[in-house]
Amino acid sequence: MPQLDLSSFPSQLFWLAITFALLYLIMAKAILPQITSVLQGRQDRISSDLEKADHMKAEAERMEEEYNSSLENTRSKASAIIAKAVTKAEEFSKKKHSELDAVLAKKAEEADKMIAGAKEQAIKEMTGISADLVVMITDKLTKINVSKNEASERVAKLLKDKIG
């Protein structure tokens, strides 16, 4: 193999040094600056993106705080509206209950009057019929003549005592 021949070593080392120096210069002057600028651009873009992300995160947190504040404000307003509506409903209910109580009391009073009238009418009718029966029974059983007025008075007194 020719590259292992010791007589050609100096020329191989010479060309190796020239090739190495040329490649080093090409790398140092042309390729490494491009790689450096690409890496620097990438680093700048990453930094910019991180800065934008931090800014967006701060903006999102601010918007979330505004949203939560607005939501809490809306909830408190809704609670106030609901409380006001409940109060109005209770007032309306109390008003309607009092009106209904008044109507029911009036109807109960009217019913009591009707019952009292019916009771008096029933007592009058019972008194008349009972007085006639008393007159007939006392005449047939005892042969005592009792006047219809006397029988009516006694029957009325007895009915008032018993019925009230």
N, C-alpha and C. Protein backbone atom coordinates (compact mmCIF):
# COMPACT_ATOMS: atom_id res chain seq x y z
N MET A 1 0.83 -1.16 0.00
CA MET A 1 0.00 0.00 0.00
C MET A 1 0.89 1.25 0.00
N PRO A 2 0.53 2.13 -0.90
CA PRO A 2 1.44 3.27 -1.09
C PRO A 2 1.41 4.27 0.06
N GLN A 3 0.29 4.39 0.73
CA GLN A 3 0.26 5.40 1.78
C GLN A 3 1.08 4.98 3.01
N LEU A 4 1.42 3.72 3.09
CA LEU A 4 2.24 3.28 4.21
C LEU A 4 3.74 3.26 3.86
N ASP A 5 4.06 3.66 2.67
CA ASP A 5 5.47 3.72 2.26
C ASP A 5 6.12 4.90 2.97
N LEU A 6 7.21 4.66 3.71
CA LEU A 6 7.86 5.70 4.51
C LEU A 6 8.54 6.76 3.64
N SER A 7 8.84 6.47 2.45
CA SER A 7 9.52 7.45 1.60
C SER A 7 8.55 8.54 1.15
N SER A 8 7.20 8.28 1.12
CA SER A 8 6.25 9.29 0.67
C SER A 8 5.59 10.03 1.85
N PHE A 9 6.04 9.75 3.07
CA PHE A 9 5.44 10.39 4.24
C PHE A 9 5.60 11.90 4.25
N PRO A 10 6.74 12.45 3.96
CA PRO A 10 6.86 13.91 4.03
C PRO A 10 5.93 14.61 3.05
N SER A 11 5.82 14.09 1.83
CA SER A 11 4.93 14.76 0.87
C SER A 11 3.47 14.59 1.31
N GLN A 12 3.15 13.45 1.90
CA GLN A 12 1.77 13.24 2.39
C GLN A 12 1.48 14.21 3.55
N LEU A 13 2.47 14.37 4.43
CA LEU A 13 2.27 15.31 5.55
C LEU A 13 2.15 16.73 5.03
N PHE A 14 2.92 17.08 4.02
CA PHE A 14 2.82 18.43 3.45
C PHE A 14 1.44 18.67 2.89
N TRP A 15 0.97 17.77 2.08
CA TRP A 15 -0.37 17.93 1.49
C TRP A 15 -1.47 17.85 2.55
N LEU A 16 -1.23 17.09 3.55
CA LEU A 16 -2.19 17.01 4.66
C LEU A 16 -2.29 18.36 5.35
N ALA A 17 -1.18 18.99 5.59
CA ALA A 17 -1.16 20.29 6.25
C ALA A 17 -1.84 21.34 5.37
N ILE A 18 -1.56 21.33 4.07
CA ILE A 18 -2.16 22.31 3.15
C ILE A 18 -3.68 22.07 3.09
N THR A 19 -4.08 20.85 2.96
CA THR A 19 -5.52 20.52 2.89
C THR A 19 -6.21 20.91 4.19
N PHE A 20 -5.56 20.58 5.31
CA PHE A 20 -6.14 20.93 6.60
C PHE A 20 -6.27 22.44 6.74
N ALA A 21 -5.25 23.17 6.38
CA ALA A 21 -5.28 24.63 6.49
C ALA A 21 -6.35 25.20 5.57
N LEU A 22 -6.47 24.68 4.36
CA LEU A 22 -7.49 25.16 3.44
C LEU A 22 -8.90 24.85 3.96
N LEU A 23 -9.11 23.65 4.43
CA LEU A 23 -10.42 23.30 4.99
C LEU A 23 -10.73 24.13 6.23
N TYR A 24 -9.68 24.38 7.03
CA TYR A 24 -9.87 25.20 8.23
C TYR A 24 -10.28 26.61 7.85
N LEU A 25 -9.63 27.20 6.87
CA LEU A 25 -9.96 28.54 6.42
C LEU A 25 -11.37 28.60 5.81
N ILE A 26 -11.73 27.61 5.02
CA ILE A 26 -13.08 27.57 4.42
C ILE A 26 -14.13 27.47 5.53
N MET A 27 -13.85 26.59 6.49
CA MET A 27 -14.80 26.41 7.60
C MET A 27 -14.89 27.70 8.42
N ALA A 28 -13.74 28.28 8.75
CA ALA A 28 -13.72 29.46 9.63
C ALA A 28 -14.32 30.68 8.94
N LYS A 29 -14.11 30.85 7.65
CA LYS A 29 -14.54 32.07 6.97
C LYS A 29 -15.92 31.94 6.32
N ALA A 30 -16.33 30.77 5.88
CA ALA A 30 -17.57 30.65 5.12
C ALA A 30 -18.66 29.87 5.87
N ILE A 31 -18.34 28.70 6.35
CA ILE A 31 -19.36 27.82 6.89
C ILE A 31 -19.69 28.16 8.34
N LEU A 32 -18.69 28.35 9.18
CA LEU A 32 -18.95 28.64 10.60
C LEU A 32 -19.73 29.94 10.81
N PRO A 33 -19.48 31.02 10.07
CA PRO A 33 -20.32 32.21 10.25
C PRO A 33 -21.79 31.96 9.90
N GLN A 34 -22.01 31.16 8.86
CA GLN A 34 -23.40 30.84 8.49
C GLN A 34 -24.06 30.01 9.59
N ILE A 35 -23.33 29.02 10.09
CA ILE A 35 -23.88 28.19 11.17
C ILE A 35 -24.14 29.04 12.41
N THR A 36 -23.18 29.94 12.70
CA THR A 36 -23.34 30.83 13.85
C THR A 36 -24.56 31.73 13.68
N SER A 37 -24.74 32.29 12.47
CA SER A 37 -25.88 33.17 12.24
C SER A 37 -27.20 32.38 12.32
N VAL A 38 -27.20 31.15 11.81
CA VAL A 38 -28.41 30.31 11.90
C VAL A 38 -28.72 30.01 13.37
N LEU A 39 -27.69 29.63 14.13
CA LEU A 39 -27.90 29.33 15.56
C LEU A 39 -28.33 30.59 16.32
N GLN A 40 -27.70 31.73 15.98
CA GLN A 40 -28.08 32.99 16.64
C GLN A 40 -29.52 33.36 16.29
N GLY A 41 -29.89 33.19 15.01
CA GLY A 41 -31.28 33.46 14.58
C GLY A 41 -32.28 32.57 15.30
N ARG A 42 -31.91 31.30 15.42
CA ARG A 42 -32.77 30.35 16.12
C ARG A 42 -32.92 30.75 17.59
N GLN A 43 -31.77 31.14 18.20
CA GLN A 43 -31.80 31.56 19.60
C GLN A 43 -32.65 32.82 19.78
N ASP A 44 -32.49 33.77 18.83
CA ASP A 44 -33.29 35.00 18.89
C ASP A 44 -34.78 34.69 18.75
N ARG A 45 -35.10 33.81 17.80
CA ARG A 45 -36.50 33.45 17.59
C ARG A 45 -37.07 32.74 18.82
N ILE A 46 -36.29 31.84 19.42
CA ILE A 46 -36.73 31.15 20.63
C ILE A 46 -36.95 32.16 21.76
N SER A 47 -36.01 33.09 21.91
CA SER A 47 -36.16 34.13 22.95
C SER A 47 -37.39 34.98 22.70
N SER A 48 -37.57 35.35 21.43
CA SER A 48 -38.74 36.16 21.06
C SER A 48 -40.04 35.39 21.33
N ASP A 49 -40.03 34.12 20.94
CA ASP A 49 -41.22 33.30 21.18
C ASP A 49 -41.50 33.15 22.67
N LEU A 50 -40.45 32.95 23.46
CA LEU A 50 -40.64 32.85 24.91
C LEU A 50 -41.16 34.16 25.50
N GLU A 51 -40.62 35.27 24.98
CA GLU A 51 -41.08 36.59 25.45
C GLU A 51 -42.54 36.80 25.08
N LYS A 52 -42.90 36.42 23.84
CA LYS A 52 -44.30 36.54 23.42
C LYS A 52 -45.19 35.63 24.27
N ALA A 53 -44.71 34.44 24.54
CA ALA A 53 -45.49 33.50 25.36
C ALA A 53 -45.71 34.07 26.76
N ASP A 54 -44.65 34.66 27.34
CA ASP A 54 -44.79 35.28 28.67
C ASP A 54 -45.79 36.43 28.62
N HIS A 55 -45.68 37.26 27.55
CA HIS A 55 -46.61 38.38 27.39
C HIS A 55 -48.05 37.86 27.23
N MET A 56 -48.22 36.83 26.40
CA MET A 56 -49.55 36.26 26.19
C MET A 56 -50.09 35.62 27.48
N LYS A 57 -49.19 34.99 28.23
CA LYS A 57 -49.61 34.39 29.50
C LYS A 57 -50.08 35.47 30.46
N ALA A 58 -49.31 36.56 30.54
CA ALA A 58 -49.71 37.68 31.41
C ALA A 58 -51.04 38.26 30.94
N GLU A 59 -51.21 38.41 29.65
CA GLU A 59 -52.46 38.94 29.09
C GLU A 59 -53.62 37.98 29.40
N ALA A 60 -53.37 36.68 29.26
CA ALA A 60 -54.42 35.69 29.56
C ALA A 60 -54.78 35.74 31.04
N GLU A 61 -53.79 35.88 31.92
CA GLU A 61 -54.06 35.98 33.35
C GLU A 61 -54.86 37.25 33.65
N ARG A 62 -54.51 38.36 33.01
CA ARG A 62 -55.25 39.61 33.20
C ARG A 62 -56.69 39.46 32.72
N MET A 63 -56.86 38.82 31.56
CA MET A 63 -58.20 38.61 31.03
C MET A 63 -59.01 37.67 31.93
N GLU A 64 -58.33 36.65 32.48
CA GLU A 64 -59.01 35.74 33.40
C GLU A 64 -59.46 36.48 34.66
N GLU A 65 -58.60 37.36 35.17
CA GLU A 65 -58.98 38.15 36.34
C GLU A 65 -60.16 39.06 36.02
N GLU A 66 -60.14 39.70 34.84
CA GLU A 66 -61.26 40.54 34.43
C GLU A 66 -62.53 39.72 34.30
N TYR A 67 -62.39 38.53 33.69
CA TYR A 67 -63.55 37.65 33.53
C TYR A 67 -64.12 37.25 34.88
N ASN A 68 -63.22 36.82 35.79
CA ASN A 68 -63.68 36.40 37.12
C ASN A 68 -64.32 37.58 37.86
N SER A 69 -63.74 38.76 37.72
CA SER A 69 -64.30 39.96 38.35
C SER A 69 -65.68 40.26 37.76
N SER A 70 -65.77 40.21 36.44
CA SER A 70 -67.04 40.45 35.77
C SER A 70 -68.07 39.40 36.16
N LEU A 71 -67.64 38.15 36.23
CA LEU A 71 -68.54 37.07 36.62
C LEU A 71 -69.04 37.26 38.04
N GLU A 72 -68.15 37.62 38.94
CA GLU A 72 -68.53 37.86 40.34
C GLU A 72 -69.48 39.05 40.44
N ASN A 73 -69.19 40.11 39.67
CA ASN A 73 -70.06 41.28 39.65
C ASN A 73 -71.45 40.89 39.14
N THR A 74 -71.48 40.11 38.07
CA THR A 74 -72.75 39.67 37.51
C THR A 74 -73.50 38.79 38.50
N ARG A 75 -72.80 37.91 39.17
CA ARG A 75 -73.44 37.05 40.18
C ARG A 75 -74.03 37.88 41.31
N SER A 76 -73.29 38.89 41.76
CA SER A 76 -73.82 39.72 42.84
C SER A 76 -75.04 40.50 42.37
N LYS A 77 -75.01 41.01 41.13
CA LYS A 77 -76.18 41.72 40.60
C LYS A 77 -77.36 40.76 40.48
N ALA A 78 -77.10 39.54 40.00
CA ALA A 78 -78.18 38.55 39.87
C ALA A 78 -78.75 38.21 41.25
N SER A 79 -77.89 38.07 42.24
CA SER A 79 -78.36 37.78 43.59
C SER A 79 -79.23 38.92 44.11
N ALA A 80 -78.82 40.15 43.83
CA ALA A 80 -79.61 41.30 44.26
C ALA A 80 -80.96 41.32 43.56
N ILE A 81 -80.96 41.03 42.28
CA ILE A 81 -82.22 41.01 41.52
C ILE A 81 -83.13 39.90 42.05
N ILE A 82 -82.55 38.74 42.31
CA ILE A 82 -83.34 37.62 42.84
C ILE A 82 -83.90 37.97 44.22
N ALA A 83 -83.07 38.58 45.07
CA ALA A 83 -83.54 38.97 46.40
C ALA A 83 -84.68 39.98 46.29
N LYS A 84 -84.54 40.93 45.37
CA LYS A 84 -85.58 41.93 45.17
C LYS A 84 -86.86 41.26 44.67
N ALA A 85 -86.73 40.33 43.74
CA ALA A 85 -87.90 39.62 43.21
C ALA A 85 -88.57 38.79 44.31
N VAL A 86 -87.77 38.14 45.14
CA VAL A 86 -88.33 37.35 46.24
C VAL A 86 -89.08 38.26 47.20
N THR A 87 -88.49 39.42 47.51
CA THR A 87 -89.15 40.36 48.41
C THR A 87 -90.48 40.83 47.82
N LYS A 88 -90.46 41.18 46.53
CA LYS A 88 -91.70 41.61 45.88
C LYS A 88 -92.74 40.49 45.88
N ALA A 89 -92.28 39.26 45.62
CA ALA A 89 -93.20 38.12 45.60
C ALA A 89 -93.80 37.91 46.99
N GLU A 90 -92.98 38.04 48.03
CA GLU A 90 -93.48 37.88 49.39
C GLU A 90 -94.49 38.97 49.73
N GLU A 91 -94.19 40.21 49.33
CA GLU A 91 -95.13 41.31 49.57
C GLU A 91 -96.44 41.06 48.82
N PHE A 92 -96.34 40.65 47.58
CA PHE A 92 -97.53 40.36 46.79
C PHE A 92 -98.33 39.23 47.43
N SER A 93 -97.62 38.20 47.87
CA SER A 93 -98.28 37.05 48.51
C SER A 93 -98.97 37.48 49.80
N LYS A 94 -98.30 38.30 50.61
CA LYS A 94 -98.93 38.78 51.85
C LYS A 94 -100.17 39.62 51.55
N LYS A 95 -100.07 40.48 50.52
CA LYS A 95 -101.20 41.31 50.14
C LYS A 95 -102.38 40.44 49.70
N LYS A 96 -102.09 39.46 48.85
CA LYS A 96 -103.16 38.58 48.36
C LYS A 96 -103.73 37.74 49.51
N HIS A 97 -102.87 37.30 50.45
CA HIS A 97 -103.36 36.54 51.60
C HIS A 97 -104.29 37.39 52.46
N SER A 98 -103.90 38.65 52.68
CA SER A 98 -104.76 39.52 53.49
C SER A 98 -106.07 39.79 52.78
N GLU A 99 -106.03 40.00 51.45
CA GLU A 99 -107.27 40.19 50.69
C GLU A 99 -108.14 38.94 50.77
N LEU A 100 -107.51 37.78 50.62
CA LEU A 100 -108.25 36.52 50.69
C LEU A 100 -108.82 36.31 52.08
N ASP A 101 -108.03 36.63 53.12
CA ASP A 101 -108.53 36.51 54.49
C ASP A 101 -109.75 37.40 54.70
N ALA A 102 -109.70 38.63 54.16
CA ALA A 102 -110.84 39.54 54.30
C ALA A 102 -112.06 38.97 53.59
N VAL A 103 -111.88 38.47 52.38
CA VAL A 103 -113.00 37.88 51.63
C VAL A 103 -113.56 36.67 52.37
N LEU A 104 -112.67 35.81 52.87
CA LEU A 104 -113.12 34.62 53.59
C LEU A 104 -113.83 34.99 54.89
N ALA A 105 -113.33 36.01 55.58
CA ALA A 105 -113.99 36.44 56.81
C ALA A 105 -115.38 36.97 56.51
N LYS A 106 -115.50 37.74 55.42
CA LYS A 106 -116.80 38.27 55.02
C LYS A 106 -117.75 37.13 54.67
N LYS A 107 -117.27 36.16 53.92
CA LYS A 107 -118.10 35.02 53.54
C LYS A 107 -118.48 34.19 54.76
N ALA A 108 -117.54 34.04 55.72
CA ALA A 108 -117.85 33.29 56.93
C ALA A 108 -118.91 34.03 57.74
N GLU A 109 -118.82 35.35 57.80
CA GLU A 109 -119.82 36.15 58.51
C GLU A 109 -121.19 35.99 57.85
N GLU A 110 -121.18 36.05 56.51
CA GLU A 110 -122.44 35.87 55.78
C GLU A 110 -123.01 34.48 56.01
N ALA A 111 -122.13 33.47 56.02
CA ALA A 111 -122.57 32.09 56.25
C ALA A 111 -123.13 31.96 57.66
N ASP A 112 -122.48 32.60 58.66
CA ASP A 112 -122.99 32.55 60.03
C ASP A 112 -124.38 33.18 60.11
N LYS A 113 -124.57 34.32 59.40
CA LYS A 113 -125.88 34.97 59.39
C LYS A 113 -126.92 34.06 58.75
N MET A 114 -126.53 33.41 57.62
CA MET A 114 -127.47 32.51 56.95
C MET A 114 -127.82 31.32 57.84
N ILE A 115 -126.81 30.79 58.54
CA ILE A 115 -127.06 29.66 59.44
C ILE A 115 -127.96 30.09 60.58
N ALA A 116 -127.70 31.27 61.14
CA ALA A 116 -128.54 31.76 62.24
C ALA A 116 -129.97 31.96 61.75
N GLY A 117 -130.15 32.52 60.55
CA GLY A 117 -131.49 32.71 59.98
C GLY A 117 -132.18 31.38 59.76
N ALA A 118 -131.42 30.43 59.20
CA ALA A 118 -132.00 29.11 58.95
C ALA A 118 -132.36 28.43 60.27
N LYS A 119 -131.52 28.63 61.28
CA LYS A 119 -131.78 28.03 62.60
C LYS A 119 -133.06 28.63 63.19
N GLU A 120 -133.19 29.96 63.09
CA GLU A 120 -134.41 30.62 63.61
C GLU A 120 -135.64 30.14 62.86
N GLN A 121 -135.50 30.03 61.54
CA GLN A 121 -136.64 29.56 60.72
C GLN A 121 -137.00 28.14 61.12
N ALA A 122 -135.98 27.28 61.32
CA ALA A 122 -136.25 25.89 61.71
C ALA A 122 -136.91 25.84 63.08
N ILE A 123 -136.43 26.70 64.00
CA ILE A 123 -137.03 26.72 65.35
C ILE A 123 -138.49 27.16 65.27
N LYS A 124 -138.78 28.18 64.43
CA LYS A 124 -140.17 28.65 64.28
C LYS A 124 -141.05 27.54 63.73
N GLU A 125 -140.53 26.86 62.68
CA GLU A 125 -141.33 25.78 62.09
C GLU A 125 -141.52 24.63 63.08
N MET A 126 -140.44 24.30 63.79
CA MET A 126 -140.53 23.21 64.77
C MET A 126 -141.46 23.61 65.92
N THR A 127 -141.40 24.87 66.28
CA THR A 127 -142.28 25.34 67.36
C THR A 127 -143.73 25.20 66.97
N GLY A 128 -144.06 25.63 65.77
CA GLY A 128 -145.44 25.53 65.30
C GLY A 128 -145.92 24.10 65.24
N ILE A 129 -145.11 23.24 64.63
CA ILE A 129 -145.48 21.83 64.49
C ILE A 129 -145.54 21.17 65.86
N SER A 130 -144.55 21.45 66.70
CA SER A 130 -144.50 20.84 68.04
C SER A 130 -145.67 21.31 68.89
N ALA A 131 -146.02 22.59 68.75
CA ALA A 131 -147.16 23.11 69.53
C ALA A 131 -148.44 22.40 69.12
N ASP A 132 -148.63 22.19 67.82
CA ASP A 132 -149.82 21.47 67.36
C ASP A 132 -149.83 20.05 67.90
N LEU A 133 -148.66 19.40 67.89
CA LEU A 133 -148.57 18.03 68.42
C LEU A 133 -148.85 18.00 69.92
N VAL A 134 -148.32 18.97 70.65
CA VAL A 134 -148.53 19.02 72.10
C VAL A 134 -150.03 19.18 72.40
N VAL A 135 -150.66 20.06 71.65
CA VAL A 135 -152.10 20.28 71.87
C VAL A 135 -152.86 18.99 71.60
N MET A 136 -152.54 18.30 70.48
CA MET A 136 -153.24 17.06 70.14
C MET A 136 -152.96 15.96 71.15
N ILE A 137 -151.69 15.78 71.53
CA ILE A 137 -151.32 14.70 72.45
C ILE A 137 -151.95 14.93 73.82
N THR A 138 -151.87 16.14 74.34
CA THR A 138 -152.45 16.40 75.67
C THR A 138 -153.96 16.28 75.65
N ASP A 139 -154.57 16.62 74.54
CA ASP A 139 -156.02 16.48 74.45
C ASP A 139 -156.42 15.02 74.40
N LYS A 140 -155.68 14.19 73.65
CA LYS A 140 -156.05 12.79 73.50
C LYS A 140 -155.66 11.98 74.74
N LEU A 141 -154.50 12.25 75.31
CA LEU A 141 -154.04 11.43 76.43
C LEU A 141 -154.63 11.89 77.77
N THR A 142 -154.69 13.14 78.00
CA THR A 142 -155.08 13.64 79.33
C THR A 142 -156.41 14.37 79.33
N LYS A 143 -156.93 14.62 78.21
CA LYS A 143 -158.17 15.36 78.06
C LYS A 143 -158.09 16.74 78.68
N ILE A 144 -156.84 17.29 78.74
CA ILE A 144 -156.65 18.65 79.23
C ILE A 144 -156.53 19.54 78.01
N ASN A 145 -157.27 20.63 78.03
CA ASN A 145 -157.20 21.56 76.91
C ASN A 145 -156.07 22.54 77.17
N VAL A 146 -155.10 22.52 76.26
CA VAL A 146 -153.96 23.44 76.32
C VAL A 146 -154.10 24.36 75.12
N SER A 147 -153.94 25.66 75.38
CA SER A 147 -154.07 26.58 74.26
C SER A 147 -152.82 26.49 73.38
N LYS A 148 -153.02 26.82 72.12
CA LYS A 148 -151.92 26.74 71.15
C LYS A 148 -150.83 27.76 71.51
N ASN A 149 -151.18 28.94 72.02
CA ASN A 149 -150.19 29.95 72.40
C ASN A 149 -149.35 29.47 73.57
N GLU A 150 -149.98 28.85 74.57
CA GLU A 150 -149.25 28.34 75.73
C GLU A 150 -148.30 27.23 75.32
N ALA A 151 -148.79 26.32 74.47
CA ALA A 151 -147.95 25.23 73.98
C ALA A 151 -146.79 25.79 73.16
N SER A 152 -147.02 26.79 72.34
CA SER A 152 -145.98 27.40 71.52
C SER A 152 -144.91 28.04 72.38
N GLU A 153 -145.34 28.74 73.45
CA GLU A 153 -144.37 29.39 74.34
C GLU A 153 -143.48 28.37 75.03
N ARG A 154 -144.08 27.30 75.53
CA ARG A 154 -143.30 26.28 76.25
C ARG A 154 -142.35 25.52 75.30
N VAL A 155 -142.85 25.18 74.12
CA VAL A 155 -142.00 24.47 73.13
C VAL A 155 -140.85 25.38 72.71
N ALA A 156 -141.12 26.67 72.47
CA ALA A 156 -140.07 27.60 72.07
C ALA A 156 -139.02 27.71 73.16
N LYS A 157 -139.47 27.78 74.42
CA LYS A 157 -138.54 27.87 75.55
C LYS A 157 -137.67 26.61 75.62
N LEU A 158 -138.29 25.45 75.48
CA LEU A 158 -137.54 24.19 75.53
C LEU A 158 -136.54 24.10 74.37
N LEU A 159 -136.95 24.48 73.17
CA LEU A 159 -136.05 24.43 72.02
C LEU A 159 -134.88 25.38 72.18
N LYS A 160 -135.14 26.57 72.69
CA LYS A 160 -134.05 27.54 72.90
C LYS A 160 -133.07 27.02 73.95
N ASP A 161 -133.59 26.37 75.00
CA ASP A 161 -132.73 25.80 76.03
C ASP A 161 -131.88 24.67 75.47
N LYS A 162 -132.47 23.82 74.64
CA LYS A 162 -131.76 22.65 74.12
C LYS A 162 -130.84 23.01 72.93
N ILE A 163 -131.35 23.82 72.01
CA ILE A 163 -130.61 24.12 70.79
C ILE A 163 -129.70 25.34 70.98
N GLY A 164 -130.13 26.26 71.74
CA GLY A 164 -129.29 27.41 72.01
C GLY A 164 -129.82 28.59 71.38
